[in-house]
Amino acid sequence: MTTPVCTSASKAAAPVPSYTPHPSFSSYVRARGPVLLRTARSLTSNPSDAEDLLQTALTKTYVAWERIEDHRALDGYVRRALLNTRTSQWRKRKVDEFVCDELPEPETVPAVDPAEQQVLHDAMWRAVMKLPDRQRAMLVLRYYEDLSEAQTAEVLGVSIGTVKSAVSRALGKLRNDPELAPVR
């Protein structure tokens, strides 16, 4: 076995190309990141999973950046990437979680806000998180992201009637949720 040896110390190393992302992509992420993270959080039950989901969707967007013709529709593109990625994760999920008597690490307790509005907000999100993924996605896009029925249908690739019926069923489930009974 031979060991490679440098024969000339005067040879200059080849320049390493520097990594520079597309400036418009960087500015887009800075400007729209918080809004997109809210959307990702509404699609998952764990804030860490939401951050991972957004990171994956933004990576897919970055790879396709040059091919995206209409940069005014980027939010729709990223939302679609979020939904597609979340659907793929859901389909590939492994059941490796189990209930145990002791938690492996202590749970951090958030500061309790006594305001009734916060209690209502929490109860509402728990009820929303109980909805099936598809109904939750439509409800979030329709009311949380404030998209029209047509825009929601376009983002999800379904008909307007499908959006109307799924949102109606989701709202019916929320109306009948016992946790939200004090609101009625």
N, C-alpha and C. Protein backbone atom coordinates (compact mmCIF):
# COMPACT_ATOMS: atom_id res chain seq x y z
N MET A 1 0.85 -1.18 0.00
CA MET A 1 0.00 0.00 0.00
C MET A 1 0.88 1.23 0.00
N THR A 2 0.58 2.16 -0.86
CA THR A 2 1.38 3.38 -0.93
C THR A 2 0.59 4.53 -0.33
N THR A 3 1.34 5.45 0.24
CA THR A 3 0.73 6.63 0.83
C THR A 3 0.95 7.79 -0.11
N PRO A 4 -0.12 8.50 -0.49
CA PRO A 4 0.07 9.64 -1.39
C PRO A 4 0.89 10.72 -0.70
N VAL A 5 1.79 11.30 -1.47
CA VAL A 5 2.66 12.35 -0.95
C VAL A 5 2.55 13.55 -1.86
N CYS A 6 2.50 14.72 -1.29
CA CYS A 6 2.44 15.95 -2.07
C CYS A 6 3.84 16.22 -2.60
N THR A 7 3.97 16.33 -3.91
CA THR A 7 5.30 16.49 -4.50
C THR A 7 5.71 17.94 -4.61
N SER A 8 4.77 18.86 -4.61
CA SER A 8 5.13 20.25 -4.76
C SER A 8 4.30 21.09 -3.80
N ALA A 9 4.96 21.81 -2.95
CA ALA A 9 4.27 22.66 -1.99
C ALA A 9 3.82 23.96 -2.62
N SER A 10 4.29 24.24 -3.82
CA SER A 10 3.95 25.52 -4.44
C SER A 10 2.60 25.48 -5.18
N LYS A 11 2.01 24.31 -5.32
CA LYS A 11 0.71 24.22 -6.00
C LYS A 11 -0.36 24.85 -5.13
N ALA A 12 -1.12 25.72 -5.71
CA ALA A 12 -2.21 26.37 -4.97
C ALA A 12 -3.44 25.46 -4.98
N ALA A 13 -4.14 25.47 -3.89
CA ALA A 13 -5.36 24.66 -3.80
C ALA A 13 -6.43 25.25 -4.71
N ALA A 14 -7.26 24.38 -5.25
CA ALA A 14 -8.33 24.84 -6.13
C ALA A 14 -9.32 25.66 -5.31
N PRO A 15 -9.81 26.74 -5.86
CA PRO A 15 -10.75 27.56 -5.10
C PRO A 15 -12.04 26.79 -4.83
N VAL A 16 -12.54 26.93 -3.62
CA VAL A 16 -13.78 26.27 -3.24
C VAL A 16 -14.92 27.23 -3.53
N PRO A 17 -15.90 26.79 -4.33
CA PRO A 17 -17.00 27.71 -4.62
C PRO A 17 -17.79 28.01 -3.35
N SER A 18 -18.11 29.26 -3.18
CA SER A 18 -18.86 29.63 -1.98
C SER A 18 -20.34 29.38 -2.21
N TYR A 19 -21.05 29.06 -1.15
CA TYR A 19 -22.49 28.77 -1.21
C TYR A 19 -23.25 30.07 -1.03
N THR A 20 -24.00 30.44 -2.03
CA THR A 20 -24.85 31.63 -1.90
C THR A 20 -26.23 31.27 -2.40
N PRO A 21 -27.20 31.25 -1.50
CA PRO A 21 -28.55 30.94 -1.94
C PRO A 21 -29.11 32.07 -2.80
N HIS A 22 -30.18 31.76 -3.47
CA HIS A 22 -30.84 32.79 -4.28
C HIS A 22 -31.28 33.92 -3.36
N PRO A 23 -30.87 35.14 -3.64
CA PRO A 23 -31.24 36.23 -2.73
C PRO A 23 -32.75 36.37 -2.57
N SER A 24 -33.50 36.13 -3.61
CA SER A 24 -34.94 36.28 -3.49
C SER A 24 -35.53 35.17 -2.62
N PHE A 25 -34.93 33.98 -2.64
CA PHE A 25 -35.40 32.89 -1.77
C PHE A 25 -35.15 33.25 -0.31
N SER A 26 -33.97 33.75 -0.01
CA SER A 26 -33.64 34.14 1.37
C SER A 26 -34.58 35.22 1.87
N SER A 27 -34.84 36.21 1.05
CA SER A 27 -35.74 37.28 1.49
C SER A 27 -37.17 36.77 1.62
N TYR A 28 -37.57 35.84 0.76
CA TYR A 28 -38.90 35.25 0.87
C TYR A 28 -39.05 34.51 2.20
N VAL A 29 -38.05 33.70 2.56
CA VAL A 29 -38.11 32.93 3.81
C VAL A 29 -38.14 33.86 5.01
N ARG A 30 -37.33 34.92 4.96
CA ARG A 30 -37.33 35.88 6.07
C ARG A 30 -38.70 36.55 6.22
N ALA A 31 -39.30 36.90 5.10
CA ALA A 31 -40.57 37.64 5.13
C ALA A 31 -41.75 36.74 5.47
N ARG A 32 -41.80 35.55 4.91
CA ARG A 32 -42.99 34.70 5.04
C ARG A 32 -42.81 33.54 6.02
N GLY A 33 -41.61 33.36 6.56
CA GLY A 33 -41.33 32.24 7.45
C GLY A 33 -42.29 32.10 8.62
N PRO A 34 -42.55 33.18 9.38
CA PRO A 34 -43.46 33.05 10.53
C PRO A 34 -44.88 32.62 10.14
N VAL A 35 -45.38 33.13 9.04
CA VAL A 35 -46.73 32.76 8.59
C VAL A 35 -46.75 31.29 8.18
N LEU A 36 -45.72 30.87 7.45
CA LEU A 36 -45.66 29.48 7.01
C LEU A 36 -45.46 28.53 8.20
N LEU A 37 -44.73 28.97 9.22
CA LEU A 37 -44.56 28.15 10.41
C LEU A 37 -45.89 27.97 11.13
N ARG A 38 -46.72 29.02 11.17
CA ARG A 38 -48.05 28.89 11.76
C ARG A 38 -48.87 27.84 11.02
N THR A 39 -48.77 27.85 9.70
CA THR A 39 -49.49 26.85 8.91
C THR A 39 -48.97 25.45 9.23
N ALA A 40 -47.66 25.30 9.30
CA ALA A 40 -47.07 23.99 9.62
C ALA A 40 -47.50 23.53 11.01
N ARG A 41 -47.54 24.46 11.97
CA ARG A 41 -47.96 24.09 13.33
C ARG A 41 -49.40 23.64 13.37
N SER A 42 -50.22 24.18 12.51
CA SER A 42 -51.62 23.77 12.50
C SER A 42 -51.80 22.41 11.85
N LEU A 43 -50.82 21.93 11.11
CA LEU A 43 -50.90 20.62 10.47
C LEU A 43 -50.30 19.50 11.31
N THR A 44 -49.58 19.86 12.36
CA THR A 44 -48.97 18.85 13.22
C THR A 44 -49.36 19.12 14.67
N SER A 45 -49.12 18.15 15.49
CA SER A 45 -49.47 18.32 16.90
C SER A 45 -48.27 18.69 17.75
N ASN A 46 -47.09 18.75 17.17
CA ASN A 46 -45.86 19.00 17.91
C ASN A 46 -45.11 20.16 17.25
N PRO A 47 -44.75 21.20 18.01
CA PRO A 47 -44.02 22.34 17.42
C PRO A 47 -42.71 21.94 16.74
N SER A 48 -42.01 20.96 17.28
CA SER A 48 -40.76 20.51 16.66
C SER A 48 -41.03 19.86 15.31
N ASP A 49 -42.10 19.07 15.25
CA ASP A 49 -42.47 18.45 13.98
C ASP A 49 -42.85 19.52 12.96
N ALA A 50 -43.49 20.58 13.43
CA ALA A 50 -43.88 21.68 12.54
C ALA A 50 -42.65 22.34 11.94
N GLU A 51 -41.63 22.56 12.76
CA GLU A 51 -40.40 23.18 12.26
C GLU A 51 -39.73 22.27 11.23
N ASP A 52 -39.71 20.95 11.52
CA ASP A 52 -39.13 20.01 10.56
C ASP A 52 -39.93 19.98 9.27
N LEU A 53 -41.24 20.01 9.40
CA LEU A 53 -42.11 20.00 8.23
C LEU A 53 -41.86 21.23 7.36
N LEU A 54 -41.77 22.40 7.99
CA LEU A 54 -41.52 23.63 7.24
C LEU A 54 -40.14 23.58 6.58
N GLN A 55 -39.14 23.08 7.31
CA GLN A 55 -37.80 23.00 6.75
C GLN A 55 -37.78 22.11 5.50
N THR A 56 -38.48 20.99 5.56
CA THR A 56 -38.54 20.09 4.42
C THR A 56 -39.24 20.76 3.23
N ALA A 57 -40.36 21.42 3.52
CA ALA A 57 -41.10 22.09 2.44
C ALA A 57 -40.26 23.21 1.82
N LEU A 58 -39.54 23.95 2.64
CA LEU A 58 -38.70 25.03 2.10
C LEU A 58 -37.52 24.46 1.31
N THR A 59 -37.01 23.31 1.72
CA THR A 59 -35.94 22.68 0.95
C THR A 59 -36.45 22.28 -0.42
N LYS A 60 -37.65 21.72 -0.48
CA LYS A 60 -38.24 21.35 -1.77
C LYS A 60 -38.48 22.60 -2.62
N THR A 61 -38.89 23.67 -1.98
CA THR A 61 -39.12 24.92 -2.71
C THR A 61 -37.81 25.46 -3.25
N TYR A 62 -36.76 25.41 -2.45
CA TYR A 62 -35.46 25.92 -2.88
C TYR A 62 -34.95 25.15 -4.11
N VAL A 63 -35.12 23.82 -4.07
CA VAL A 63 -34.67 22.99 -5.19
C VAL A 63 -35.42 23.36 -6.47
N ALA A 64 -36.69 23.70 -6.33
CA ALA A 64 -37.52 24.02 -7.50
C ALA A 64 -37.57 25.51 -7.80
N TRP A 65 -36.83 26.32 -7.09
CA TRP A 65 -36.92 27.77 -7.16
C TRP A 65 -36.83 28.30 -8.59
N GLU A 66 -35.88 27.80 -9.36
CA GLU A 66 -35.68 28.30 -10.73
C GLU A 66 -36.83 27.88 -11.65
N ARG A 67 -37.52 26.78 -11.32
CA ARG A 67 -38.60 26.29 -12.18
C ARG A 67 -39.95 26.94 -11.85
N ILE A 68 -40.05 27.61 -10.72
CA ILE A 68 -41.31 28.24 -10.34
C ILE A 68 -41.47 29.49 -11.19
N GLU A 69 -42.50 29.49 -12.01
CA GLU A 69 -42.68 30.58 -12.96
C GLU A 69 -43.27 31.82 -12.31
N ASP A 70 -44.27 31.65 -11.47
CA ASP A 70 -44.96 32.78 -10.88
C ASP A 70 -44.58 32.90 -9.41
N HIS A 71 -43.64 33.75 -9.08
CA HIS A 71 -43.18 33.90 -7.70
C HIS A 71 -44.21 34.62 -6.83
N ARG A 72 -45.28 35.13 -7.45
CA ARG A 72 -46.34 35.73 -6.65
C ARG A 72 -47.19 34.65 -5.99
N ALA A 73 -47.11 33.43 -6.47
CA ALA A 73 -47.92 32.32 -5.94
C ALA A 73 -47.08 31.40 -5.06
N LEU A 74 -46.00 31.92 -4.51
CA LEU A 74 -45.10 31.09 -3.71
C LEU A 74 -45.77 30.53 -2.46
N ASP A 75 -46.61 31.32 -1.80
CA ASP A 75 -47.26 30.82 -0.58
C ASP A 75 -48.08 29.57 -0.90
N GLY A 76 -48.79 29.58 -1.99
CA GLY A 76 -49.57 28.41 -2.39
C GLY A 76 -48.67 27.23 -2.68
N TYR A 77 -47.54 27.48 -3.32
CA TYR A 77 -46.59 26.41 -3.63
C TYR A 77 -46.06 25.79 -2.34
N VAL A 78 -45.66 26.64 -1.40
CA VAL A 78 -45.10 26.14 -0.14
C VAL A 78 -46.19 25.44 0.68
N ARG A 79 -47.40 26.00 0.71
CA ARG A 79 -48.49 25.33 1.44
C ARG A 79 -48.75 23.95 0.86
N ARG A 80 -48.73 23.86 -0.45
CA ARG A 80 -48.94 22.57 -1.09
C ARG A 80 -47.81 21.61 -0.72
N ALA A 81 -46.58 22.12 -0.69
CA ALA A 81 -45.44 21.28 -0.28
C ALA A 81 -45.60 20.84 1.17
N LEU A 82 -46.09 21.73 2.03
CA LEU A 82 -46.34 21.37 3.43
C LEU A 82 -47.37 20.24 3.52
N LEU A 83 -48.47 20.41 2.80
CA LEU A 83 -49.53 19.40 2.85
C LEU A 83 -49.06 18.07 2.26
N ASN A 84 -48.37 18.12 1.14
CA ASN A 84 -47.87 16.88 0.52
C ASN A 84 -46.86 16.18 1.42
N THR A 85 -45.97 16.94 2.02
CA THR A 85 -44.97 16.36 2.91
C THR A 85 -45.64 15.76 4.14
N ARG A 86 -46.60 16.48 4.71
CA ARG A 86 -47.31 15.96 5.88
C ARG A 86 -48.09 14.70 5.54
N THR A 87 -48.71 14.67 4.37
CA THR A 87 -49.44 13.48 3.95
C THR A 87 -48.48 12.31 3.77
N SER A 88 -47.32 12.54 3.17
CA SER A 88 -46.33 11.48 3.00
C SER A 88 -45.84 10.97 4.35
N GLN A 89 -45.60 11.88 5.29
CA GLN A 89 -45.17 11.48 6.63
C GLN A 89 -46.25 10.64 7.30
N TRP A 90 -47.48 11.05 7.15
CA TRP A 90 -48.58 10.34 7.77
C TRP A 90 -48.69 8.92 7.20
N ARG A 91 -48.54 8.80 5.91
CA ARG A 91 -48.63 7.48 5.27
C ARG A 91 -47.49 6.58 5.67
N LYS A 92 -46.31 7.15 5.90
CA LYS A 92 -45.12 6.35 6.22
C LYS A 92 -44.92 6.16 7.73
N ARG A 93 -45.81 6.72 8.51
CA ARG A 93 -45.59 6.73 9.95
C ARG A 93 -45.46 5.31 10.50
N LYS A 94 -44.63 5.20 11.49
CA LYS A 94 -44.46 3.94 12.20
C LYS A 94 -45.07 4.12 13.57
N VAL A 95 -45.68 3.10 14.06
CA VAL A 95 -46.26 3.18 15.38
C VAL A 95 -45.18 2.72 16.36
N ASP A 96 -44.39 3.68 16.81
CA ASP A 96 -43.33 3.36 17.75
C ASP A 96 -43.50 4.12 19.06
N GLU A 97 -44.64 4.72 19.24
CA GLU A 97 -44.94 5.40 20.49
C GLU A 97 -45.81 4.50 21.33
N PHE A 98 -45.59 4.54 22.62
CA PHE A 98 -46.39 3.73 23.52
C PHE A 98 -46.57 4.46 24.83
N VAL A 99 -47.63 4.11 25.51
CA VAL A 99 -47.95 4.75 26.78
C VAL A 99 -47.10 4.10 27.87
N CYS A 100 -46.54 4.93 28.74
CA CYS A 100 -45.76 4.40 29.85
C CYS A 100 -46.15 5.13 31.13
N ASP A 101 -45.84 4.52 32.25
CA ASP A 101 -46.21 5.11 33.53
C ASP A 101 -45.38 6.34 33.87
N GLU A 102 -44.11 6.33 33.49
CA GLU A 102 -43.23 7.46 33.79
C GLU A 102 -42.76 8.09 32.48
N LEU A 103 -42.73 9.40 32.47
CA LEU A 103 -42.22 10.09 31.31
C LEU A 103 -40.70 10.05 31.32
N PRO A 104 -40.05 9.84 30.18
CA PRO A 104 -38.60 9.76 30.16
C PRO A 104 -37.92 11.09 30.49
N GLU A 105 -38.59 12.17 30.27
CA GLU A 105 -38.04 13.48 30.61
C GLU A 105 -39.16 14.34 31.18
N PRO A 106 -38.83 15.25 32.05
CA PRO A 106 -39.90 16.06 32.67
C PRO A 106 -40.59 16.95 31.64
N GLU A 107 -41.87 17.07 31.81
CA GLU A 107 -42.67 17.91 30.92
C GLU A 107 -42.57 19.36 31.41
N THR A 108 -42.32 20.25 30.47
CA THR A 108 -42.27 21.65 30.86
C THR A 108 -43.70 22.18 30.92
N VAL A 109 -43.99 22.84 32.00
CA VAL A 109 -45.34 23.38 32.19
C VAL A 109 -45.34 24.84 31.77
N PRO A 110 -46.16 25.19 30.75
CA PRO A 110 -46.20 26.59 30.33
C PRO A 110 -46.85 27.45 31.41
N ALA A 111 -46.51 28.70 31.39
CA ALA A 111 -47.11 29.63 32.34
C ALA A 111 -48.62 29.67 32.12
N VAL A 112 -49.35 29.61 33.21
CA VAL A 112 -50.81 29.58 33.11
C VAL A 112 -51.32 31.01 32.94
N ASP A 113 -52.09 31.20 31.86
CA ASP A 113 -52.71 32.49 31.63
C ASP A 113 -54.17 32.38 32.05
N PRO A 114 -54.59 33.12 33.07
CA PRO A 114 -55.95 32.95 33.59
C PRO A 114 -57.03 33.56 32.70
N ALA A 115 -56.62 34.22 31.66
CA ALA A 115 -57.61 34.89 30.82
C ALA A 115 -58.52 33.85 30.15
N GLU A 116 -59.77 34.11 30.18
CA GLU A 116 -60.75 33.20 29.59
C GLU A 116 -60.53 33.02 28.09
N GLN A 117 -60.04 34.05 27.43
CA GLN A 117 -59.78 33.98 26.00
C GLN A 117 -58.73 32.91 25.69
N GLN A 118 -57.72 32.81 26.53
CA GLN A 118 -56.67 31.81 26.32
C GLN A 118 -57.22 30.41 26.52
N VAL A 119 -58.09 30.25 27.50
CA VAL A 119 -58.70 28.95 27.74
C VAL A 119 -59.53 28.53 26.53
N LEU A 120 -60.29 29.45 26.00
CA LEU A 120 -61.10 29.18 24.82
C LEU A 120 -60.21 28.82 23.62
N HIS A 121 -59.14 29.57 23.45
CA HIS A 121 -58.19 29.32 22.36
C HIS A 121 -57.62 27.91 22.45
N ASP A 122 -57.20 27.52 23.63
CA ASP A 122 -56.62 26.19 23.83
C ASP A 122 -57.64 25.10 23.56
N ALA A 123 -58.84 25.28 24.08
CA ALA A 123 -59.90 24.28 23.87
C ALA A 123 -60.22 24.16 22.39
N MET A 124 -60.25 25.27 21.70
CA MET A 124 -60.55 25.24 20.27
C MET A 124 -59.48 24.48 19.50
N TRP A 125 -58.20 24.73 19.80
CA TRP A 125 -57.14 24.04 19.06
C TRP A 125 -57.10 22.55 19.39
N ARG A 126 -57.42 22.19 20.61
CA ARG A 126 -57.50 20.76 20.94
C ARG A 126 -58.59 20.11 20.10
N ALA A 127 -59.70 20.79 19.99
CA ALA A 127 -60.81 20.26 19.19
C ALA A 127 -60.41 20.19 17.72
N VAL A 128 -59.73 21.19 17.22
CA VAL A 128 -59.29 21.19 15.82
C VAL A 128 -58.30 20.06 15.57
N MET A 129 -57.42 19.81 16.52
CA MET A 129 -56.41 18.76 16.34
C MET A 129 -57.02 17.36 16.36
N LYS A 130 -58.24 17.22 16.88
CA LYS A 130 -58.92 15.93 16.88
C LYS A 130 -59.53 15.61 15.51
N LEU A 131 -59.66 16.61 14.68
CA LEU A 131 -60.25 16.41 13.35
C LEU A 131 -59.34 15.55 12.48
N PRO A 132 -59.91 14.83 11.52
CA PRO A 132 -59.07 14.09 10.56
C PRO A 132 -58.18 15.07 9.78
N ASP A 133 -57.04 14.59 9.34
CA ASP A 133 -56.04 15.45 8.68
C ASP A 133 -56.62 16.28 7.53
N ARG A 134 -57.40 15.66 6.69
CA ARG A 134 -57.92 16.36 5.52
C ARG A 134 -58.88 17.48 5.93
N GLN A 135 -59.80 17.20 6.87
CA GLN A 135 -60.73 18.22 7.34
C GLN A 135 -59.97 19.33 8.05
N ARG A 136 -58.98 18.97 8.84
CA ARG A 136 -58.19 19.97 9.56
C ARG A 136 -57.47 20.87 8.57
N ALA A 137 -56.86 20.27 7.53
CA ALA A 137 -56.14 21.07 6.53
C ALA A 137 -57.09 22.06 5.86
N MET A 138 -58.27 21.60 5.49
CA MET A 138 -59.23 22.49 4.83
C MET A 138 -59.71 23.58 5.77
N LEU A 139 -59.97 23.23 7.01
CA LEU A 139 -60.43 24.21 8.00
C LEU A 139 -59.36 25.27 8.26
N VAL A 140 -58.11 24.82 8.38
CA VAL A 140 -57.00 25.74 8.64
C VAL A 140 -56.81 26.69 7.46
N LEU A 141 -56.80 26.13 6.26
CA LEU A 141 -56.62 27.00 5.08
C LEU A 141 -57.79 27.96 4.92
N ARG A 142 -58.99 27.47 5.18
CA ARG A 142 -60.19 28.28 4.96
C ARG A 142 -60.32 29.40 5.98
N TYR A 143 -60.14 29.11 7.25
CA TYR A 143 -60.41 30.10 8.29
C TYR A 143 -59.15 30.66 8.95
N TYR A 144 -58.14 29.83 9.20
CA TYR A 144 -56.94 30.31 9.86
C TYR A 144 -56.06 31.10 8.90
N GLU A 145 -55.92 30.58 7.67
CA GLU A 145 -55.14 31.28 6.64
C GLU A 145 -56.01 32.25 5.84
N ASP A 146 -57.32 32.23 6.08
CA ASP A 146 -58.28 33.15 5.48
C ASP A 146 -58.31 33.06 3.95
N LEU A 147 -58.22 31.82 3.43
CA LEU A 147 -58.35 31.62 1.99
C LEU A 147 -59.83 31.44 1.65
N SER A 148 -60.19 31.78 0.44
CA SER A 148 -61.56 31.55 -0.01
C SER A 148 -61.75 30.06 -0.28
N GLU A 149 -62.99 29.65 -0.50
CA GLU A 149 -63.25 28.25 -0.82
C GLU A 149 -62.53 27.86 -2.11
N ALA A 150 -62.55 28.75 -3.08
CA ALA A 150 -61.89 28.47 -4.37
C ALA A 150 -60.38 28.34 -4.19
N GLN A 151 -59.78 29.24 -3.41
CA GLN A 151 -58.34 29.17 -3.18
C GLN A 151 -57.97 27.90 -2.42
N THR A 152 -58.77 27.54 -1.42
CA THR A 152 -58.52 26.32 -0.66
C THR A 152 -58.60 25.11 -1.57
N ALA A 153 -59.61 25.08 -2.42
CA ALA A 153 -59.76 23.97 -3.36
C ALA A 153 -58.55 23.89 -4.30
N GLU A 154 -58.08 25.04 -4.75
CA GLU A 154 -56.95 25.06 -5.67
C GLU A 154 -55.68 24.56 -4.98
N VAL A 155 -55.44 25.00 -3.75
CA VAL A 155 -54.24 24.57 -3.01
C VAL A 155 -54.26 23.06 -2.80
N LEU A 156 -55.42 22.52 -2.47
CA LEU A 156 -55.52 21.09 -2.16
C LEU A 156 -55.78 20.22 -3.39
N GLY A 157 -56.11 20.85 -4.51
CA GLY A 157 -56.36 20.09 -5.73
C GLY A 157 -57.67 19.32 -5.69
N VAL A 158 -58.68 19.91 -5.06
CA VAL A 158 -60.00 19.29 -4.98
C VAL A 158 -61.04 20.28 -5.49
N SER A 159 -62.28 19.84 -5.58
CA SER A 159 -63.33 20.74 -6.05
C SER A 159 -63.82 21.64 -4.91
N ILE A 160 -64.46 22.72 -5.28
CA ILE A 160 -65.00 23.65 -4.29
C ILE A 160 -66.06 22.96 -3.45
N GLY A 161 -66.86 22.11 -4.07
CA GLY A 161 -67.88 21.36 -3.34
C GLY A 161 -67.28 20.46 -2.27
N THR A 162 -66.13 19.86 -2.57
CA THR A 162 -65.45 19.02 -1.59
C THR A 162 -65.01 19.87 -0.40
N VAL A 163 -64.49 21.05 -0.68
CA VAL A 163 -64.09 21.95 0.40
C VAL A 163 -65.29 22.33 1.24
N LYS A 164 -66.40 22.71 0.58
CA LYS A 164 -67.59 23.12 1.31
C LYS A 164 -68.11 22.01 2.22
N SER A 165 -68.21 20.79 1.68
CA SER A 165 -68.77 19.71 2.48
C SER A 165 -67.82 19.30 3.61
N ALA A 166 -66.50 19.25 3.34
CA ALA A 166 -65.55 18.85 4.38
C ALA A 166 -65.50 19.90 5.49
N VAL A 167 -65.52 21.18 5.13
CA VAL A 167 -65.50 22.25 6.13
C VAL A 167 -66.80 22.22 6.94
N SER A 168 -67.91 21.97 6.28
CA SER A 168 -69.18 21.88 6.98
C SER A 168 -69.17 20.74 8.00
N ARG A 169 -68.66 19.57 7.58
CA ARG A 169 -68.56 18.44 8.52
C ARG A 169 -67.62 18.75 9.67
N ALA A 170 -66.51 19.41 9.38
CA ALA A 170 -65.54 19.76 10.42
C ALA A 170 -66.16 20.73 11.43
N LEU A 171 -66.88 21.74 10.93
CA LEU A 171 -67.53 22.69 11.83
C LEU A 171 -68.60 22.00 12.67
N GLY A 172 -69.30 21.04 12.07
CA GLY A 172 -70.29 20.27 12.82
C GLY A 172 -69.66 19.49 13.96
N LYS A 173 -68.49 18.90 13.69
CA LYS A 173 -67.77 18.18 14.75
C LYS A 173 -67.33 19.13 15.86
N LEU A 174 -66.90 20.33 15.48
CA LEU A 174 -66.48 21.30 16.49
C LEU A 174 -67.69 21.75 17.32
N ARG A 175 -68.84 21.92 16.67
CA ARG A 175 -70.05 22.33 17.40
C ARG A 175 -70.46 21.28 18.43
N ASN A 176 -70.22 20.01 18.11
CA ASN A 176 -70.63 18.93 18.99
C ASN A 176 -69.55 18.49 19.96
N ASP A 177 -68.39 19.13 19.93
CA ASP A 177 -67.30 18.74 20.83
C ASP A 177 -67.66 19.14 22.26
N PRO A 178 -67.66 18.19 23.20
CA PRO A 178 -68.05 18.51 24.57
C PRO A 178 -67.10 19.49 25.26
N GLU A 179 -65.87 19.55 24.83
CA GLU A 179 -64.90 20.48 25.44
C GLU A 179 -65.26 21.93 25.15
N LEU A 180 -65.99 22.16 24.06
CA LEU A 180 -66.38 23.52 23.67
C LEU A 180 -67.80 23.85 24.13
N ALA A 181 -68.42 23.02 24.93
CA ALA A 181 -69.79 23.24 25.38
C ALA A 181 -69.96 24.56 26.12
N PRO A 182 -69.02 25.02 26.96
CA PRO A 182 -69.22 26.29 27.65
C PRO A 182 -69.29 27.50 26.70
N VAL A 183 -68.80 27.36 25.50
CA VAL A 183 -68.79 28.48 24.54
C VAL A 183 -70.18 28.70 23.97
N ARG A 184 -70.93 27.64 23.80
CA ARG A 184 -72.25 27.75 23.17
C ARG A 184 -73.24 28.47 23.99
